[in-house]
Amino acid sequence: MERRGRGRVPTFSREEMIAAARRLGPDAANPAALAAELGVARTSIYWHVRDRSDIGELVLGAIIDEGESARWSPQPARSWNEVMESYARVTRAGLMAAGGWIRFATPRLVLGQGQLRAMDDMVARLRACGFSINDATRAYAFLIQVVLASIGSGDAPVMGMHRALLTELETVEANELTTLREVAAAAAKTSPDAQFEYDLDCALRGIAARSGVRLGALPTT
């Protein structure tokens, strides 16, 4: 993010401001709170950021840059689905590490230089394994949707769905909706990570079926 150049010239670095914001957390970090945390005038905060959204974007960018996803590249001699599995897990781990800061994600941030290189490498590998450019593009977009769908404010949507189901089941007689009660019991044993792995496996099998490129296919070029 470019320097804003507004307000009083700061006596602290951008890195110090990011560290202070991380100490405060995504719910409390705002210009006034940052100024108090750093022991500086509020006007000096505006040299780096305009508002809370800018603060969140700076912190999230730092977290993403610290993660493996910013340095990911496909391993040689691996099948297309192994490469997609690796990318999906690394990307999800990086987003999960962001916790509540993920709410400040923007297209510009998510599509940083590291992520663009990873995207280029991924699609190139799919093409080398026999995907058409259209199928490779759709496969990448679908994979990202699977990853993002597994990310919430610190836990996966499956957990929220389970809680909602339990709440609704409490409103009906115990001898009703017996199948849904079995679903609730099974869901209680399913962790967000296990649900993600299931979703990822289904996604890869579906991509293979739609593209006509078998699972395990290696680069031919």
C-alpha atoms as a PDB file:
ATOM      1  CA  MET A   1       0.000   0.000   0.000  1.00  0.00           C
ATOM      2  CA  GLU A   2       1.351   3.427  -0.928  1.00  0.00           C
ATOM      3  CA  ARG A   3       2.067   6.015   1.739  1.00  0.00           C
ATOM      4  CA  ARG A   4      -0.883   8.320   2.201  1.00  0.00           C
ATOM      5  CA  GLY A   5       1.192  11.387   3.033  1.00  0.00           C
ATOM      6  CA  ARG A   6      -1.567  12.892   5.198  1.00  0.00           C
ATOM      7  CA  GLY A   7      -1.273  14.042   8.772  1.00  0.00           C
ATOM      8  CA  ARG A   8       1.839  14.556  10.875  1.00  0.00           C
ATOM      9  CA  VAL A   9       5.038  12.817   9.737  1.00  0.00           C
ATOM     10  CA  PRO A  10       5.217   9.705  11.949  1.00  0.00           C
ATOM     11  CA  THR A  11       7.997   8.749  14.354  1.00  0.00           C
ATOM     12  CA  PHE A  12       7.195   5.054  13.923  1.00  0.00           C
ATOM     13  CA  SER A  13       7.554   2.646  11.010  1.00  0.00           C
ATOM     14  CA  ARG A  14       4.801   0.921   9.105  1.00  0.00           C
ATOM     15  CA  GLU A  15       6.036  -2.398  10.541  1.00  0.00           C
ATOM     16  CA  GLU A  16       5.646  -1.041  14.085  1.00  0.00           C
ATOM     17  CA  MET A  17       2.135   0.115  13.267  1.00  0.00           C
ATOM     18  CA  ILE A  18       1.218  -3.320  11.861  1.00  0.00           C
ATOM     19  CA  ALA A  19       2.600  -4.994  14.987  1.00  0.00           C
ATOM     20  CA  ALA A  20       0.534  -2.660  17.173  1.00  0.00           C
ATOM     21  CA  ALA A  21      -2.597  -3.386  15.163  1.00  0.00           C
ATOM     22  CA  ARG A  22      -2.046  -7.124  15.524  1.00  0.00           C
ATOM     23  CA  ARG A  23      -1.761  -6.704  19.281  1.00  0.00           C
ATOM     24  CA  LEU A  24      -5.077  -4.864  19.319  1.00  0.00           C
ATOM     25  CA  GLY A  25      -6.833  -7.401  17.104  1.00  0.00           C
ATOM     26  CA  PRO A  26      -9.223  -6.958  14.161  1.00  0.00           C
ATOM     27  CA  ASP A  27     -12.148  -5.800  16.301  1.00  0.00           C
ATOM     28  CA  ALA A  28     -10.282  -3.047  18.151  1.00  0.00           C
ATOM     29  CA  ALA A  29      -7.774  -1.764  15.607  1.00  0.00           C
ATOM     30  CA  ASN A  30      -8.705   1.753  14.443  1.00  0.00           C
ATOM     31  CA  PRO A  31      -6.724   5.003  14.082  1.00  0.00           C
ATOM     32  CA  ALA A  32      -7.506   6.230  17.594  1.00  0.00           C
ATOM     33  CA  ALA A  33      -6.674   2.897  19.239  1.00  0.00           C
ATOM     34  CA  LEU A  34      -3.485   2.585  17.208  1.00  0.00           C
ATOM     35  CA  ALA A  35      -2.364   6.047  18.261  1.00  0.00           C
ATOM     36  CA  ALA A  36      -2.917   5.161  21.907  1.00  0.00           C
ATOM     37  CA  GLU A  37      -1.121   1.832  21.535  1.00  0.00           C
ATOM     38  CA  LEU A  38       1.890   3.500  19.914  1.00  0.00           C
ATOM     39  CA  GLY A  39       1.818   6.534  22.187  1.00  0.00           C
ATOM     40  CA  VAL A  40       1.652   8.964  19.268  1.00  0.00           C
ATOM     41  CA  ALA A  41      -0.660  11.662  17.966  1.00  0.00           C
ATOM     42  CA  ARG A  42      -3.650  10.344  16.062  1.00  0.00           C
ATOM     43  CA  THR A  43      -2.813  12.564  13.089  1.00  0.00           C
ATOM     44  CA  SER A  44       0.449  10.668  12.531  1.00  0.00           C
ATOM     45  CA  ILE A  45      -1.505   7.452  11.916  1.00  0.00           C
ATOM     46  CA  TYR A  46      -3.024   9.039   8.825  1.00  0.00           C
ATOM     47  CA  TRP A  47       0.412   9.209   7.222  1.00  0.00           C
ATOM     48  CA  HIS A  48       0.088   5.471   6.592  1.00  0.00           C
ATOM     49  CA  VAL A  49      -3.645   4.756   6.559  1.00  0.00           C
ATOM     50  CA  ARG A  50      -6.977   6.498   6.088  1.00  0.00           C
ATOM     51  CA  ASP A  51      -9.233   4.322   8.201  1.00  0.00           C
ATOM     52  CA  ARG A  52      -9.858   0.978   9.836  1.00  0.00           C
ATOM     53  CA  SER A  53     -10.153  -0.797   6.479  1.00  0.00           C
ATOM     54  CA  ASP A  54      -6.669   0.359   5.492  1.00  0.00           C
ATOM     55  CA  ILE A  55      -5.313  -0.918   8.805  1.00  0.00           C
ATOM     56  CA  GLY A  56      -6.945  -4.300   8.275  1.00  0.00           C
ATOM     57  CA  GLU A  57      -5.623  -4.539   4.740  1.00  0.00           C
ATOM     58  CA  LEU A  58      -2.084  -3.782   5.894  1.00  0.00           C
ATOM     59  CA  VAL A  59      -2.231  -6.441   8.599  1.00  0.00           C
ATOM     60  CA  LEU A  60      -3.785  -9.058   6.350  1.00  0.00           C
ATOM     61  CA  GLY A  61      -1.195  -8.362   3.674  1.00  0.00           C
ATOM     62  CA  ALA A  62       1.579  -8.891   6.210  1.00  0.00           C
ATOM     63  CA  ILE A  63       0.051 -12.183   7.349  1.00  0.00           C
ATOM     64  CA  ILE A  64      -0.313 -13.435   3.776  1.00  0.00           C
ATOM     65  CA  ASP A  65       3.268 -12.439   2.968  1.00  0.00           C
ATOM     66  CA  GLU A  66       4.476 -14.416   5.988  1.00  0.00           C
ATOM     67  CA  GLY A  67       2.704 -17.574   4.848  1.00  0.00           C
ATOM     68  CA  GLU A  68       3.750 -20.309   2.468  1.00  0.00           C
ATOM     69  CA  SER A  69       1.137 -19.370  -0.128  1.00  0.00           C
ATOM     70  CA  ALA A  70       3.193 -16.312  -1.136  1.00  0.00           C
ATOM     71  CA  ARG A  71       6.100 -18.616  -2.040  1.00  0.00           C
ATOM     72  CA  TRP A  72       4.195 -21.643  -3.337  1.00  0.00           C
ATOM     73  CA  SER A  73       5.159 -23.245  -6.627  1.00  0.00           C
ATOM     74  CA  PRO A  74       4.134 -26.625  -8.101  1.00  0.00           C
ATOM     75  CA  GLN A  75       6.520 -29.469  -7.439  1.00  0.00           C
ATOM     76  CA  PRO A  76       7.977 -31.067 -10.566  1.00  0.00           C
ATOM     77  CA  ALA A  77       6.805 -34.483 -11.711  1.00  0.00           C
ATOM     78  CA  ARG A  78       3.579 -34.267  -9.688  1.00  0.00           C
ATOM     79  CA  SER A  79       0.133 -34.922 -11.118  1.00  0.00           C
ATOM     80  CA  TRP A  80      -2.291 -32.066 -11.665  1.00  0.00           C
ATOM     81  CA  ASN A  81      -4.511 -33.136  -8.772  1.00  0.00           C
ATOM     82  CA  GLU A  82      -1.553 -33.436  -6.377  1.00  0.00           C
ATOM     83  CA  VAL A  83      -0.529 -29.913  -7.338  1.00  0.00           C
ATOM     84  CA  MET A  84      -4.055 -28.598  -6.840  1.00  0.00           C
ATOM     85  CA  GLU A  85      -4.288 -30.360  -3.459  1.00  0.00           C
ATOM     86  CA  SER A  86      -1.010 -28.767  -2.361  1.00  0.00           C
ATOM     87  CA  TYR A  87      -2.072 -25.304  -3.487  1.00  0.00           C
ATOM     88  CA  ALA A  88      -5.507 -25.574  -1.853  1.00  0.00           C
ATOM     89  CA  ARG A  89      -4.102 -26.688   1.500  1.00  0.00           C
ATOM     90  CA  VAL A  90      -1.367 -24.052   1.578  1.00  0.00           C
ATOM     91  CA  THR A  91      -3.775 -21.280   0.566  1.00  0.00           C
ATOM     92  CA  ARG A  92      -6.352 -22.343   3.155  1.00  0.00           C
ATOM     93  CA  ALA A  93      -3.733 -22.557   5.890  1.00  0.00           C
ATOM     94  CA  GLY A  94      -2.605 -19.016   5.116  1.00  0.00           C
ATOM     95  CA  LEU A  95      -6.148 -17.681   5.240  1.00  0.00           C
ATOM     96  CA  MET A  96      -6.948 -19.567   8.432  1.00  0.00           C
ATOM     97  CA  ALA A  97      -3.847 -18.054  10.046  1.00  0.00           C
ATOM     98  CA  ALA A  98      -5.338 -14.612   9.373  1.00  0.00           C
ATOM     99  CA  GLY A  99      -8.308 -15.356  11.628  1.00  0.00           C
ATOM    100  CA  GLY A 100     -10.606 -12.364  11.975  1.00  0.00           C
ATOM    101  CA  TRP A 101      -8.384 -10.231   9.747  1.00  0.00           C
ATOM    102  CA  ILE A 102      -9.740 -12.117   6.735  1.00  0.00           C
ATOM    103  CA  ARG A 103     -12.731  -9.760   6.740  1.00  0.00           C
ATOM    104  CA  PHE A 104     -10.453  -7.055   5.309  1.00  0.00           C
ATOM    105  CA  ALA A 105      -9.552  -9.015   2.177  1.00  0.00           C
ATOM    106  CA  THR A 106      -9.764  -7.096  -1.087  1.00  0.00           C
ATOM    107  CA  PRO A 107      -9.248  -8.288  -4.681  1.00  0.00           C
ATOM    108  CA  ARG A 108      -6.080  -6.194  -4.925  1.00  0.00           C
ATOM    109  CA  LEU A 109      -4.671  -7.823  -1.816  1.00  0.00           C
ATOM    110  CA  VAL A 110      -5.666 -11.385  -2.658  1.00  0.00           C
ATOM    111  CA  LEU A 111      -4.245 -10.960  -6.157  1.00  0.00           C
ATOM    112  CA  GLY A 112      -0.816  -9.790  -5.039  1.00  0.00           C
ATOM    113  CA  GLN A 113       2.316 -10.609  -7.010  1.00  0.00           C
ATOM    114  CA  GLY A 114       2.944 -13.834  -5.106  1.00  0.00           C
ATOM    115  CA  GLN A 115      -0.600 -15.026  -5.670  1.00  0.00           C
ATOM    116  CA  LEU A 116      -0.489 -14.073  -9.364  1.00  0.00           C
ATOM    117  CA  ARG A 117       2.682 -16.130  -9.849  1.00  0.00           C
ATOM    118  CA  ALA A 118       1.050 -19.086  -8.115  1.00  0.00           C
ATOM    119  CA  MET A 119      -2.039 -18.724 -10.317  1.00  0.00           C
ATOM    120  CA  ASP A 120       0.098 -18.631 -13.458  1.00  0.00           C
ATOM    121  CA  ASP A 121       2.067 -21.715 -12.353  1.00  0.00           C
ATOM    122  CA  MET A 122      -1.110 -23.596 -11.467  1.00  0.00           C
ATOM    123  CA  VAL A 123      -2.886 -22.981 -14.762  1.00  0.00           C
ATOM    124  CA  ALA A 124       0.309 -23.752 -16.690  1.00  0.00           C
ATOM    125  CA  ARG A 125       0.580 -27.115 -14.902  1.00  0.00           C
ATOM    126  CA  LEU A 126      -3.036 -27.957 -15.698  1.00  0.00           C
ATOM    127  CA  ARG A 127      -2.417 -27.125 -19.347  1.00  0.00           C
ATOM    128  CA  ALA A 128       0.704 -29.319 -19.367  1.00  0.00           C
ATOM    129  CA  CYS A 129      -1.382 -32.206 -18.005  1.00  0.00           C
ATOM    130  CA  GLY A 130      -3.921 -31.993 -20.835  1.00  0.00           C
ATOM    131  CA  PHE A 131      -6.475 -29.387 -19.737  1.00  0.00           C
ATOM    132  CA  SER A 132      -7.870 -26.950 -22.249  1.00  0.00           C
ATOM    133  CA  ILE A 133      -7.441 -23.317 -21.293  1.00  0.00           C
ATOM    134  CA  ASN A 134     -11.181 -23.085 -20.576  1.00  0.00           C
ATOM    135  CA  ASP A 135     -11.200 -26.156 -18.329  1.00  0.00           C
ATOM    136  CA  ALA A 136      -8.004 -25.050 -16.569  1.00  0.00           C
ATOM    137  CA  THR A 137      -9.508 -21.637 -15.863  1.00  0.00           C
ATOM    138  CA  ARG A 138     -12.751 -23.122 -14.530  1.00  0.00           C
ATOM    139  CA  ALA A 139     -10.883 -25.687 -12.443  1.00  0.00           C
ATOM    140  CA  TYR A 140      -8.756 -23.012 -10.795  1.00  0.00           C
ATOM    141  CA  ALA A 141     -11.791 -20.814 -10.102  1.00  0.00           C
ATOM    142  CA  PHE A 142     -13.684 -23.770  -8.611  1.00  0.00           C
ATOM    143  CA  LEU A 143     -10.744 -24.716  -6.399  1.00  0.00           C
ATOM    144  CA  ILE A 144     -10.558 -21.189  -5.006  1.00  0.00           C
ATOM    145  CA  GLN A 145     -14.294 -21.274  -4.281  1.00  0.00           C
ATOM    146  CA  VAL A 146     -13.858 -24.530  -2.335  1.00  0.00           C
ATOM    147  CA  VAL A 147     -11.030 -22.980  -0.297  1.00  0.00           C
ATOM    148  CA  LEU A 148     -12.916 -19.756   0.429  1.00  0.00           C
ATOM    149  CA  ALA A 149     -16.102 -21.644   1.324  1.00  0.00           C
ATOM    150  CA  SER A 150     -14.200 -23.408   4.096  1.00  0.00           C
ATOM    151  CA  ILE A 151     -13.085 -20.127   5.664  1.00  0.00           C
ATOM    152  CA  GLY A 152     -15.248 -18.171   8.082  1.00  0.00           C
ATOM    153  CA  SER A 153     -14.403 -15.843  10.939  1.00  0.00           C
ATOM    154  CA  GLY A 154     -12.006 -18.368  12.394  1.00  0.00           C
ATOM    155  CA  ASP A 155     -14.082 -21.502  11.800  1.00  0.00           C
ATOM    156  CA  ALA A 156     -15.638 -23.212   8.806  1.00  0.00           C
ATOM    157  CA  PRO A 157     -19.282 -22.707   7.763  1.00  0.00           C
ATOM    158  CA  VAL A 158     -20.016 -26.371   8.535  1.00  0.00           C
ATOM    159  CA  MET A 159     -19.745 -25.563  12.239  1.00  0.00           C
ATOM    160  CA  GLY A 160     -22.302 -22.772  11.999  1.00  0.00           C
ATOM    161  CA  MET A 161     -24.642 -25.017  10.025  1.00  0.00           C
ATOM    162  CA  HIS A 162     -24.351 -27.691  12.693  1.00  0.00           C
ATOM    163  CA  ARG A 163     -25.199 -25.245  15.478  1.00  0.00           C
ATOM    164  CA  ALA A 164     -28.189 -23.935  13.528  1.00  0.00           C
ATOM    165  CA  LEU A 165     -29.446 -27.471  12.909  1.00  0.00           C
ATOM    166  CA  LEU A 166     -29.222 -28.349  16.604  1.00  0.00           C
ATOM    167  CA  THR A 167     -31.146 -25.209  17.502  1.00  0.00           C
ATOM    168  CA  GLU A 168     -33.952 -26.029  15.077  1.00  0.00           C
ATOM    169  CA  LEU A 169     -34.151 -29.655  16.205  1.00  0.00           C
ATOM    170  CA  GLU A 170     -34.790 -28.476  19.742  1.00  0.00           C
ATOM    171  CA  THR A 171     -38.082 -26.945  18.568  1.00  0.00           C
ATOM    172  CA  VAL A 172     -39.609 -30.259  17.433  1.00  0.00           C
ATOM    173  CA  GLU A 173     -40.597 -33.460  19.231  1.00  0.00           C
ATOM    174  CA  ALA A 174     -37.799 -35.930  19.983  1.00  0.00           C
ATOM    175  CA  ASN A 175     -39.438 -38.645  17.842  1.00  0.00           C
ATOM    176  CA  GLU A 176     -39.614 -36.392  14.764  1.00  0.00           C
ATOM    177  CA  LEU A 177     -36.997 -35.740  12.080  1.00  0.00           C
ATOM    178  CA  THR A 178     -35.033 -38.812  13.114  1.00  0.00           C
ATOM    179  CA  THR A 179     -32.863 -38.820  10.001  1.00  0.00           C
ATOM    180  CA  LEU A 180     -31.844 -35.223  10.584  1.00  0.00           C
ATOM    181  CA  ARG A 181     -30.940 -36.129  14.150  1.00  0.00           C
ATOM    182  CA  GLU A 182     -28.570 -38.754  12.750  1.00  0.00           C
ATOM    183  CA  VAL A 183     -27.143 -36.053  10.477  1.00  0.00           C
ATOM    184  CA  ALA A 184     -26.567 -33.813  13.494  1.00  0.00           C
ATOM    185  CA  ALA A 185     -24.800 -36.611  15.353  1.00  0.00           C
ATOM    186  CA  ALA A 186     -22.539 -37.303  12.354  1.00  0.00           C
ATOM    187  CA  ALA A 187     -21.815 -33.597  11.886  1.00  0.00           C
ATOM    188  CA  ALA A 188     -20.711 -33.342  15.509  1.00  0.00           C
ATOM    189  CA  LYS A 189     -17.910 -35.781  14.698  1.00  0.00           C
ATOM    190  CA  THR A 190     -16.792 -33.900  11.580  1.00  0.00           C
ATOM    191  CA  SER A 191     -14.113 -31.258  12.062  1.00  0.00           C
ATOM    192  CA  PRO A 192     -13.729 -28.276   9.702  1.00  0.00           C
ATOM    193  CA  ASP A 193     -10.472 -29.796   8.431  1.00  0.00           C
ATOM    194  CA  ALA A 194     -12.135 -33.135   7.708  1.00  0.00           C
ATOM    195  CA  GLN A 195     -14.998 -31.391   5.900  1.00  0.00           C
ATOM    196  CA  PHE A 196     -12.502 -29.411   3.814  1.00  0.00           C
ATOM    197  CA  GLU A 197     -10.644 -32.583   2.802  1.00  0.00           C
ATOM    198  CA  TYR A 198     -13.949 -34.164   1.770  1.00  0.00           C
ATOM    199  CA  ASP A 199     -14.909 -31.098  -0.248  1.00  0.00           C
ATOM    200  CA  LEU A 200     -11.474 -30.988  -1.878  1.00  0.00           C
ATOM    201  CA  ASP A 201     -11.637 -34.658  -2.870  1.00  0.00           C
ATOM    202  CA  CYS A 202     -15.106 -34.185  -4.372  1.00  0.00           C
ATOM    203  CA  ALA A 203     -13.918 -31.098  -6.234  1.00  0.00           C
ATOM    204  CA  LEU A 204     -10.928 -32.859  -7.780  1.00  0.00           C
ATOM    205  CA  ARG A 205     -12.986 -35.870  -8.823  1.00  0.00           C
ATOM    206  CA  GLY A 206     -15.557 -33.567 -10.366  1.00  0.00           C
ATOM    207  CA  ILE A 207     -12.881 -31.600 -12.218  1.00  0.00           C
ATOM    208  CA  ALA A 208     -11.460 -34.843 -13.588  1.00  0.00           C
ATOM    209  CA  ALA A 209     -14.888 -35.969 -14.771  1.00  0.00           C
ATOM    210  CA  ARG A 210     -15.743 -32.657 -16.421  1.00  0.00           C
ATOM    211  CA  SER A 211     -12.343 -32.105 -18.060  1.00  0.00           C
ATOM    212  CA  GLY A 212     -11.761 -35.684 -19.186  1.00  0.00           C
ATOM    213  CA  VAL A 213      -8.262 -35.577 -17.652  1.00  0.00           C
ATOM    214  CA  ARG A 214      -7.806 -38.558 -15.346  1.00  0.00           C
ATOM    215  CA  LEU A 215      -6.662 -38.225 -11.752  1.00  0.00           C
ATOM    216  CA  GLY A 216      -2.927 -38.811 -11.527  1.00  0.00           C
ATOM    217  CA  ALA A 217      -2.198 -37.506 -15.033  1.00  0.00           C
ATOM    218  CA  LEU A 218       1.327 -36.085 -15.267  1.00  0.00           C
ATOM    219  CA  PRO A 219       2.667 -33.250 -17.436  1.00  0.00           C
ATOM    220  CA  THR A 220       3.155 -34.271 -21.052  1.00  0.00           C
ATOM    221  CA  THR A 221       5.212 -31.216 -21.998  1.00  0.00           C
END
